[in-house]
């Protein structure tokens, strides 16, 4: 007996089916641009190009800069995680069009935006970027991107830490909440590693360290609570676990 998919209405089933059919319409296919960093290394090595984030971005830009002629033959594009946070040479994120389209679709389907939260990354430089941008610059880029895509009806934006150190994630969040641009949403955190790294380092699997580890977690939670209000002044410490990068190459959830 075929599954009736009770969670989907007849209208939703039709729409989902229509989307699938549009992707594979006559003469159309999918651009699979989701090569991992490792796969890109093999691909770029074949043409004598170093496998850097910038070179991968430039290569993808070559694909995504195609004009309207591809509309008749490309029905969809699969992105790799890294691509979601990359931009073209004009500073326009590859994903901006996607984010805008998502919210248009939510609006078209009468989704109650006031009851939704968005969990994006901040607009931060890539791990291999030689330029260090200030929290204020990160904040301006992040809020600008949100203002251009996210409706003010959305209840809040809860940032992931994206491999930043604990302190970096807190300072950037703090700067975002001090950004001079209008911010109609609550801008707060939804951190994993950036709330737990110091606690994990203090614990080290030892029962006797549990209390100290808990204190470290509370400390980071309080820091981010202040940062979410733009009231964090920074620890003033350049070293320690909180300052250690949490970047993991090819991190996958």
C-alpha atoms as a PDB file:
ATOM      1  CA  UNK A   1       0.000   0.000   0.000  1.00  0.00           C
ATOM      2  CA  UNK A   2       1.563   3.337  -1.046  1.00  0.00           C
ATOM      3  CA  UNK A   3       2.305   5.873   1.664  1.00  0.00           C
ATOM      4  CA  UNK A   4      -0.264   8.669   1.688  1.00  0.00           C
ATOM      5  CA  UNK A   5       2.134  11.297   3.153  1.00  0.00           C
ATOM      6  CA  UNK A   6      -0.499  12.596   5.592  1.00  0.00           C
ATOM      7  CA  UNK A   7       1.751  15.482   6.643  1.00  0.00           C
ATOM      8  CA  UNK A   8       1.375  17.040   3.193  1.00  0.00           C
ATOM      9  CA  UNK A   9      -1.830  18.516   1.836  1.00  0.00           C
ATOM     10  CA  UNK A  10      -2.874  17.813  -1.740  1.00  0.00           C
ATOM     11  CA  UNK A  11      -1.744  21.311  -2.676  1.00  0.00           C
ATOM     12  CA  UNK A  12       1.667  20.804  -1.070  1.00  0.00           C
ATOM     13  CA  UNK A  13       2.122  17.477  -2.818  1.00  0.00           C
ATOM     14  CA  UNK A  14       1.334  19.104  -6.151  1.00  0.00           C
ATOM     15  CA  UNK A  15       3.772  21.930  -5.529  1.00  0.00           C
ATOM     16  CA  UNK A  16       6.560  19.571  -4.486  1.00  0.00           C
ATOM     17  CA  UNK A  17       5.937  17.451  -7.543  1.00  0.00           C
ATOM     18  CA  UNK A  18       5.876  20.521  -9.793  1.00  0.00           C
ATOM     19  CA  UNK A  19       9.237  21.682  -8.412  1.00  0.00           C
ATOM     20  CA  UNK A  20      10.789  18.291  -9.092  1.00  0.00           C
ATOM     21  CA  UNK A  21       9.378  18.260 -12.616  1.00  0.00           C
ATOM     22  CA  UNK A  22      10.653  21.773 -13.318  1.00  0.00           C
ATOM     23  CA  UNK A  23      14.142  20.741 -12.289  1.00  0.00           C
ATOM     24  CA  UNK A  24      14.105  17.849 -14.742  1.00  0.00           C
ATOM     25  CA  UNK A  25      12.028  19.510 -17.473  1.00  0.00           C
ATOM     26  CA  UNK A  26      12.954  18.534 -21.063  1.00  0.00           C
ATOM     27  CA  UNK A  27      16.466  19.735 -21.806  1.00  0.00           C
ATOM     28  CA  UNK A  28      17.208  20.641 -18.176  1.00  0.00           C
ATOM     29  CA  UNK A  29      19.437  19.084 -15.549  1.00  0.00           C
ATOM     30  CA  UNK A  30      21.203  19.903 -12.284  1.00  0.00           C
ATOM     31  CA  UNK A  31      24.533  21.644 -11.801  1.00  0.00           C
ATOM     32  CA  UNK A  32      26.207  19.740  -8.965  1.00  0.00           C
ATOM     33  CA  UNK A  33      28.511  22.430  -7.583  1.00  0.00           C
ATOM     34  CA  UNK A  34      28.869  20.755  -4.200  1.00  0.00           C
ATOM     35  CA  UNK A  35      32.407  19.421  -4.522  1.00  0.00           C
ATOM     36  CA  UNK A  36      34.100  19.138  -1.140  1.00  0.00           C
ATOM     37  CA  UNK A  37      37.413  20.842  -0.479  1.00  0.00           C
ATOM     38  CA  UNK A  38      39.144  17.507  -1.082  1.00  0.00           C
ATOM     39  CA  UNK A  39      37.361  16.946  -4.366  1.00  0.00           C
ATOM     40  CA  UNK A  40      38.184  20.465  -5.475  1.00  0.00           C
ATOM     41  CA  UNK A  41      41.850  19.805  -4.660  1.00  0.00           C
ATOM     42  CA  UNK A  42      41.899  16.965  -7.161  1.00  0.00           C
ATOM     43  CA  UNK A  43      40.024  19.006  -9.726  1.00  0.00           C
ATOM     44  CA  UNK A  44      42.219  22.084  -9.428  1.00  0.00           C
ATOM     45  CA  UNK A  45      45.447  20.093  -9.336  1.00  0.00           C
ATOM     46  CA  UNK A  46      44.631  18.808 -12.792  1.00  0.00           C
ATOM     47  CA  UNK A  47      44.950  22.345 -14.107  1.00  0.00           C
ATOM     48  CA  UNK A  48      47.871  23.377 -11.952  1.00  0.00           C
ATOM     49  CA  UNK A  49      45.866  25.632  -9.624  1.00  0.00           C
ATOM     50  CA  UNK A  50      46.445  25.762  -5.863  1.00  0.00           C
ATOM     51  CA  UNK A  51      43.504  24.573  -3.779  1.00  0.00           C
ATOM     52  CA  UNK A  52      42.775  27.731  -1.775  1.00  0.00           C
ATOM     53  CA  UNK A  53      39.396  29.076  -0.700  1.00  0.00           C
ATOM     54  CA  UNK A  54      39.870  32.064  -2.987  1.00  0.00           C
ATOM     55  CA  UNK A  55      40.585  29.859  -5.995  1.00  0.00           C
ATOM     56  CA  UNK A  56      37.547  27.722  -5.221  1.00  0.00           C
ATOM     57  CA  UNK A  57      35.437  30.873  -4.954  1.00  0.00           C
ATOM     58  CA  UNK A  58      36.767  32.169  -8.244  1.00  0.00           C
ATOM     59  CA  UNK A  59      36.017  28.872  -9.940  1.00  0.00           C
ATOM     60  CA  UNK A  60      32.452  28.830  -8.638  1.00  0.00           C
ATOM     61  CA  UNK A  61      32.019  32.430  -9.690  1.00  0.00           C
ATOM     62  CA  UNK A  62      32.863  31.331 -13.202  1.00  0.00           C
ATOM     63  CA  UNK A  63      29.888  28.976 -13.066  1.00  0.00           C
ATOM     64  CA  UNK A  64      27.460  31.295 -11.301  1.00  0.00           C
ATOM     65  CA  UNK A  65      28.204  34.243 -13.580  1.00  0.00           C
ATOM     66  CA  UNK A  66      26.664  32.481 -16.566  1.00  0.00           C
ATOM     67  CA  UNK A  67      24.026  34.557 -18.316  1.00  0.00           C
ATOM     68  CA  UNK A  68      20.390  33.696 -19.068  1.00  0.00           C
ATOM     69  CA  UNK A  69      21.333  31.155 -21.674  1.00  0.00           C
ATOM     70  CA  UNK A  70      21.736  28.559 -18.941  1.00  0.00           C
ATOM     71  CA  UNK A  71      18.113  28.942 -17.882  1.00  0.00           C
ATOM     72  CA  UNK A  72      17.003  26.612 -20.621  1.00  0.00           C
ATOM     73  CA  UNK A  73      19.371  23.852 -19.560  1.00  0.00           C
ATOM     74  CA  UNK A  74      19.982  24.178 -15.789  1.00  0.00           C
ATOM     75  CA  UNK A  75      16.998  23.386 -13.602  1.00  0.00           C
ATOM     76  CA  UNK A  76      18.763  23.477 -10.245  1.00  0.00           C
ATOM     77  CA  UNK A  77      22.102  23.870  -8.472  1.00  0.00           C
ATOM     78  CA  UNK A  78      23.487  21.894  -5.549  1.00  0.00           C
ATOM     79  CA  UNK A  79      25.710  24.001  -3.281  1.00  0.00           C
ATOM     80  CA  UNK A  80      28.572  22.882  -1.067  1.00  0.00           C
ATOM     81  CA  UNK A  81      28.476  24.269   2.508  1.00  0.00           C
ATOM     82  CA  UNK A  82      31.421  26.583   1.844  1.00  0.00           C
ATOM     83  CA  UNK A  83      29.640  28.174  -1.116  1.00  0.00           C
ATOM     84  CA  UNK A  84      26.806  29.419   1.068  1.00  0.00           C
ATOM     85  CA  UNK A  85      29.138  31.986   2.608  1.00  0.00           C
ATOM     86  CA  UNK A  86      31.125  33.011  -0.451  1.00  0.00           C
ATOM     87  CA  UNK A  87      30.638  36.150  -2.551  1.00  0.00           C
ATOM     88  CA  UNK A  88      31.310  37.229  -6.089  1.00  0.00           C
ATOM     89  CA  UNK A  89      33.799  39.963  -6.970  1.00  0.00           C
ATOM     90  CA  UNK A  90      31.106  42.603  -6.453  1.00  0.00           C
ATOM     91  CA  UNK A  91      30.628  41.520  -2.854  1.00  0.00           C
ATOM     92  CA  UNK A  92      27.238  39.899  -3.488  1.00  0.00           C
ATOM     93  CA  UNK A  93      26.928  36.604  -1.598  1.00  0.00           C
ATOM     94  CA  UNK A  94      26.193  33.648  -3.858  1.00  0.00           C
ATOM     95  CA  UNK A  95      23.521  32.692  -1.345  1.00  0.00           C
ATOM     96  CA  UNK A  96      21.735  36.059  -1.149  1.00  0.00           C
ATOM     97  CA  UNK A  97      19.405  35.155  -4.000  1.00  0.00           C
ATOM     98  CA  UNK A  98      18.655  31.855  -2.269  1.00  0.00           C
ATOM     99  CA  UNK A  99      17.885  33.484   1.082  1.00  0.00           C
ATOM    100  CA  UNK A 100      15.627  36.047  -0.569  1.00  0.00           C
ATOM    101  CA  UNK A 101      13.822  33.299  -2.488  1.00  0.00           C
ATOM    102  CA  UNK A 102      13.295  31.296   0.706  1.00  0.00           C
ATOM    103  CA  UNK A 103      11.537  34.190   2.392  1.00  0.00           C
ATOM    104  CA  UNK A 104       9.459  34.920  -0.687  1.00  0.00           C
ATOM    105  CA  UNK A 105       8.326  31.294  -0.691  1.00  0.00           C
ATOM    106  CA  UNK A 106       7.515  31.446   3.028  1.00  0.00           C
ATOM    107  CA  UNK A 107       5.469  34.572   2.416  1.00  0.00           C
ATOM    108  CA  UNK A 108       3.716  33.046  -0.590  1.00  0.00           C
ATOM    109  CA  UNK A 109       2.686  30.111   1.578  1.00  0.00           C
ATOM    110  CA  UNK A 110       1.479  32.342   4.392  1.00  0.00           C
ATOM    111  CA  UNK A 111       4.007  31.038   6.875  1.00  0.00           C
ATOM    112  CA  UNK A 112       3.662  32.903  10.152  1.00  0.00           C
ATOM    113  CA  UNK A 113       7.013  34.687  10.031  1.00  0.00           C
ATOM    114  CA  UNK A 114       6.522  36.137  13.479  1.00  0.00           C
ATOM    115  CA  UNK A 115       6.867  32.593  14.778  1.00  0.00           C
ATOM    116  CA  UNK A 116      10.093  31.807  12.943  1.00  0.00           C
ATOM    117  CA  UNK A 117      13.788  32.113  13.737  1.00  0.00           C
ATOM    118  CA  UNK A 118      16.649  32.246  11.256  1.00  0.00           C
ATOM    119  CA  UNK A 119      19.965  30.551  12.072  1.00  0.00           C
ATOM    120  CA  UNK A 120      22.646  31.820   9.683  1.00  0.00           C
ATOM    121  CA  UNK A 121      26.366  32.332   9.903  1.00  0.00           C
ATOM    122  CA  UNK A 122      27.819  35.782  10.394  1.00  0.00           C
ATOM    123  CA  UNK A 123      29.504  37.371   7.403  1.00  0.00           C
ATOM    124  CA  UNK A 124      33.089  36.583   8.350  1.00  0.00           C
ATOM    125  CA  UNK A 125      36.242  36.144   6.246  1.00  0.00           C
ATOM    126  CA  UNK A 126      37.278  32.642   5.246  1.00  0.00           C
ATOM    127  CA  UNK A 127      39.723  30.785   7.461  1.00  0.00           C
ATOM    128  CA  UNK A 128      42.530  31.229   4.925  1.00  0.00           C
ATOM    129  CA  UNK A 129      41.877  34.933   4.391  1.00  0.00           C
ATOM    130  CA  UNK A 130      45.052  36.907   5.207  1.00  0.00           C
ATOM    131  CA  UNK A 131      43.083  40.014   6.203  1.00  0.00           C
ATOM    132  CA  UNK A 132      41.766  40.299   9.762  1.00  0.00           C
ATOM    133  CA  UNK A 133      38.528  42.252   9.867  1.00  0.00           C
ATOM    134  CA  UNK A 134      37.340  44.013  13.004  1.00  0.00           C
ATOM    135  CA  UNK A 135      34.146  43.013  14.826  1.00  0.00           C
ATOM    136  CA  UNK A 136      32.649  46.305  13.630  1.00  0.00           C
ATOM    137  CA  UNK A 137      33.343  45.390  10.009  1.00  0.00           C
ATOM    138  CA  UNK A 138      31.895  41.917  10.500  1.00  0.00           C
ATOM    139  CA  UNK A 139      28.835  43.481  12.125  1.00  0.00           C
ATOM    140  CA  UNK A 140      28.264  45.967   9.319  1.00  0.00           C
ATOM    141  CA  UNK A 141      28.551  43.273   6.631  1.00  0.00           C
ATOM    142  CA  UNK A 142      26.295  40.891   8.555  1.00  0.00           C
ATOM    143  CA  UNK A 143      23.525  43.359   9.360  1.00  0.00           C
ATOM    144  CA  UNK A 144      23.620  44.746   5.820  1.00  0.00           C
ATOM    145  CA  UNK A 145      23.139  41.256   4.371  1.00  0.00           C
ATOM    146  CA  UNK A 146      20.238  40.574   6.751  1.00  0.00           C
ATOM    147  CA  UNK A 147      18.562  43.902   5.996  1.00  0.00           C
ATOM    148  CA  UNK A 148      18.616  43.102   2.291  1.00  0.00           C
ATOM    149  CA  UNK A 149      17.038  39.673   2.617  1.00  0.00           C
ATOM    150  CA  UNK A 150      15.222  38.994   5.897  1.00  0.00           C
ATOM    151  CA  UNK A 151      11.734  40.453   6.486  1.00  0.00           C
ATOM    152  CA  UNK A 152      11.326  42.493   9.679  1.00  0.00           C
ATOM    153  CA  UNK A 153       8.466  40.199  10.676  1.00  0.00           C
ATOM    154  CA  UNK A 154      10.935  37.415  11.503  1.00  0.00           C
ATOM    155  CA  UNK A 155      11.122  37.101  15.269  1.00  0.00           C
ATOM    156  CA  UNK A 156      14.849  36.707  15.618  1.00  0.00           C
ATOM    157  CA  UNK A 157      18.181  35.780  14.109  1.00  0.00           C
ATOM    158  CA  UNK A 158      20.188  33.265  16.134  1.00  0.00           C
ATOM    159  CA  UNK A 159      23.718  33.083  14.784  1.00  0.00           C
ATOM    160  CA  UNK A 160      25.822  29.948  14.701  1.00  0.00           C
ATOM    161  CA  UNK A 161      29.458  30.430  15.645  1.00  0.00           C
ATOM    162  CA  UNK A 162      30.891  28.912  12.491  1.00  0.00           C
ATOM    163  CA  UNK A 163      34.311  27.938  13.808  1.00  0.00           C
ATOM    164  CA  UNK A 164      35.074  31.247  15.493  1.00  0.00           C
ATOM    165  CA  UNK A 165      36.808  31.171  18.859  1.00  0.00           C
ATOM    166  CA  UNK A 166      34.583  31.689  21.882  1.00  0.00           C
ATOM    167  CA  UNK A 167      35.821  35.235  22.363  1.00  0.00           C
ATOM    168  CA  UNK A 168      35.612  36.070  18.670  1.00  0.00           C
ATOM    169  CA  UNK A 169      32.023  34.859  18.456  1.00  0.00           C
ATOM    170  CA  UNK A 170      31.098  36.964  21.491  1.00  0.00           C
ATOM    171  CA  UNK A 171      32.852  40.109  20.284  1.00  0.00           C
ATOM    172  CA  UNK A 172      31.286  39.841  16.843  1.00  0.00           C
ATOM    173  CA  UNK A 173      27.816  39.291  18.299  1.00  0.00           C
ATOM    174  CA  UNK A 174      28.330  42.267  20.570  1.00  0.00           C
ATOM    175  CA  UNK A 175      29.360  44.450  17.627  1.00  0.00           C
ATOM    176  CA  UNK A 176      26.325  43.291  15.657  1.00  0.00           C
ATOM    177  CA  UNK A 177      24.086  44.500  18.480  1.00  0.00           C
ATOM    178  CA  UNK A 178      25.872  47.844  18.463  1.00  0.00           C
ATOM    179  CA  UNK A 179      25.739  48.248  14.701  1.00  0.00           C
ATOM    180  CA  UNK A 180      24.340  51.697  13.816  1.00  0.00           C
ATOM    181  CA  UNK A 181      22.005  50.278  11.148  1.00  0.00           C
ATOM    182  CA  UNK A 182      18.324  49.616  11.981  1.00  0.00           C
ATOM    183  CA  UNK A 183      17.886  46.056  13.272  1.00  0.00           C
ATOM    184  CA  UNK A 184      14.216  45.040  13.459  1.00  0.00           C
ATOM    185  CA  UNK A 185      14.925  41.523  14.768  1.00  0.00           C
ATOM    186  CA  UNK A 186      16.399  40.144  17.957  1.00  0.00           C
ATOM    187  CA  UNK A 187      20.016  39.278  17.128  1.00  0.00           C
ATOM    188  CA  UNK A 188      21.356  36.601  19.419  1.00  0.00           C
ATOM    189  CA  UNK A 189      23.320  33.358  19.512  1.00  0.00           C
ATOM    190  CA  UNK A 190      22.800  29.690  18.888  1.00  0.00           C
ATOM    191  CA  UNK A 191      26.339  28.507  19.549  1.00  0.00           C
ATOM    192  CA  UNK A 192      27.659  25.012  20.080  1.00  0.00           C
ATOM    193  CA  UNK A 193      31.440  24.984  20.190  1.00  0.00           C
ATOM    194  CA  UNK A 194      31.621  28.678  21.104  1.00  0.00           C
ATOM    195  CA  UNK A 195      29.698  27.980  24.299  1.00  0.00           C
ATOM    196  CA  UNK A 196      31.354  24.680  25.167  1.00  0.00           C
ATOM    197  CA  UNK A 197      35.038  24.772  24.223  1.00  0.00           C
ATOM    198  CA  UNK A 198      36.368  26.190  27.509  1.00  0.00           C
ATOM    199  CA  UNK A 199      34.070  23.920  29.492  1.00  0.00           C
ATOM    200  CA  UNK A 200      35.231  20.873  27.565  1.00  0.00           C
ATOM    201  CA  UNK A 201      38.851  21.888  28.031  1.00  0.00           C
ATOM    202  CA  UNK A 202      38.317  22.310  31.779  1.00  0.00           C
ATOM    203  CA  UNK A 203      36.511  18.989  32.128  1.00  0.00           C
ATOM    204  CA  UNK A 204      38.865  16.672  30.193  1.00  0.00           C
ATOM    205  CA  UNK A 205      36.748  13.702  31.139  1.00  0.00           C
ATOM    206  CA  UNK A 206      37.554  13.988  34.861  1.00  0.00           C
ATOM    207  CA  UNK A 207      34.705  13.861  37.361  1.00  0.00           C
ATOM    208  CA  UNK A 208      36.597  16.140  39.755  1.00  0.00           C
ATOM    209  CA  UNK A 209      36.704  18.839  37.103  1.00  0.00           C
ATOM    210  CA  UNK A 210      32.945  18.919  36.557  1.00  0.00           C
ATOM    211  CA  UNK A 211      32.324  21.926  38.778  1.00  0.00           C
ATOM    212  CA  UNK A 212      35.036  24.001  37.144  1.00  0.00           C
ATOM    213  CA  UNK A 213      33.759  23.003  33.717  1.00  0.00           C
ATOM    214  CA  UNK A 214      30.241  24.076  34.613  1.00  0.00           C
ATOM    215  CA  UNK A 215      31.576  27.433  35.753  1.00  0.00           C
ATOM    216  CA  UNK A 216      33.326  27.888  32.414  1.00  0.00           C
ATOM    217  CA  UNK A 217      30.074  27.180  30.586  1.00  0.00           C
ATOM    218  CA  UNK A 218      28.150  29.627  32.771  1.00  0.00           C
ATOM    219  CA  UNK A 219      30.802  32.249  32.154  1.00  0.00           C
ATOM    220  CA  UNK A 220      30.495  31.915  28.375  1.00  0.00           C
ATOM    221  CA  UNK A 221      26.701  31.906  28.589  1.00  0.00           C
ATOM    222  CA  UNK A 222      26.746  35.128  30.592  1.00  0.00           C
ATOM    223  CA  UNK A 223      29.233  36.722  28.225  1.00  0.00           C
ATOM    224  CA  UNK A 224      27.013  35.956  25.259  1.00  0.00           C
ATOM    225  CA  UNK A 225      23.960  37.147  27.132  1.00  0.00           C
ATOM    226  CA  UNK A 226      25.688  40.521  27.425  1.00  0.00           C
ATOM    227  CA  UNK A 227      26.837  40.403  23.812  1.00  0.00           C
ATOM    228  CA  UNK A 228      23.262  39.821  22.678  1.00  0.00           C
ATOM    229  CA  UNK A 229      22.452  43.188  24.254  1.00  0.00           C
ATOM    230  CA  UNK A 230      25.568  44.962  22.996  1.00  0.00           C
ATOM    231  CA  UNK A 231      26.869  45.232  26.559  1.00  0.00           C
ATOM    232  CA  UNK A 232      29.970  43.047  26.449  1.00  0.00           C
ATOM    233  CA  UNK A 233      33.254  44.909  26.837  1.00  0.00           C
ATOM    234  CA  UNK A 234      35.550  41.976  26.127  1.00  0.00           C
ATOM    235  CA  UNK A 235      37.704  39.872  28.420  1.00  0.00           C
ATOM    236  CA  UNK A 236      40.909  41.717  27.598  1.00  0.00           C
ATOM    237  CA  UNK A 237      42.683  38.367  27.385  1.00  0.00           C
ATOM    238  CA  UNK A 238      44.476  37.423  24.185  1.00  0.00           C
ATOM    239  CA  UNK A 239      45.330  33.891  25.272  1.00  0.00           C
ATOM    240  CA  UNK A 240      43.498  31.050  26.962  1.00  0.00           C
ATOM    241  CA  UNK A 241      40.955  28.569  25.709  1.00  0.00           C
ATOM    242  CA  UNK A 242      38.398  31.244  24.858  1.00  0.00           C
ATOM    243  CA  UNK A 243      40.745  32.742  22.285  1.00  0.00           C
ATOM    244  CA  UNK A 244      41.549  29.469  20.541  1.00  0.00           C
ATOM    245  CA  UNK A 245      40.163  29.031  17.048  1.00  0.00           C
ATOM    246  CA  UNK A 246      37.406  26.429  16.803  1.00  0.00           C
ATOM    247  CA  UNK A 247      37.738  26.112  13.054  1.00  0.00           C
ATOM    248  CA  UNK A 248      37.531  22.551  11.766  1.00  0.00           C
ATOM    249  CA  UNK A 249      38.406  22.003   8.128  1.00  0.00           C
ATOM    250  CA  UNK A 250      35.584  20.414   6.146  1.00  0.00           C
ATOM    251  CA  UNK A 251      33.344  20.464   9.222  1.00  0.00           C
ATOM    252  CA  UNK A 252      30.064  18.684   8.620  1.00  0.00           C
ATOM    253  CA  UNK A 253      27.045  18.524  10.891  1.00  0.00           C
END
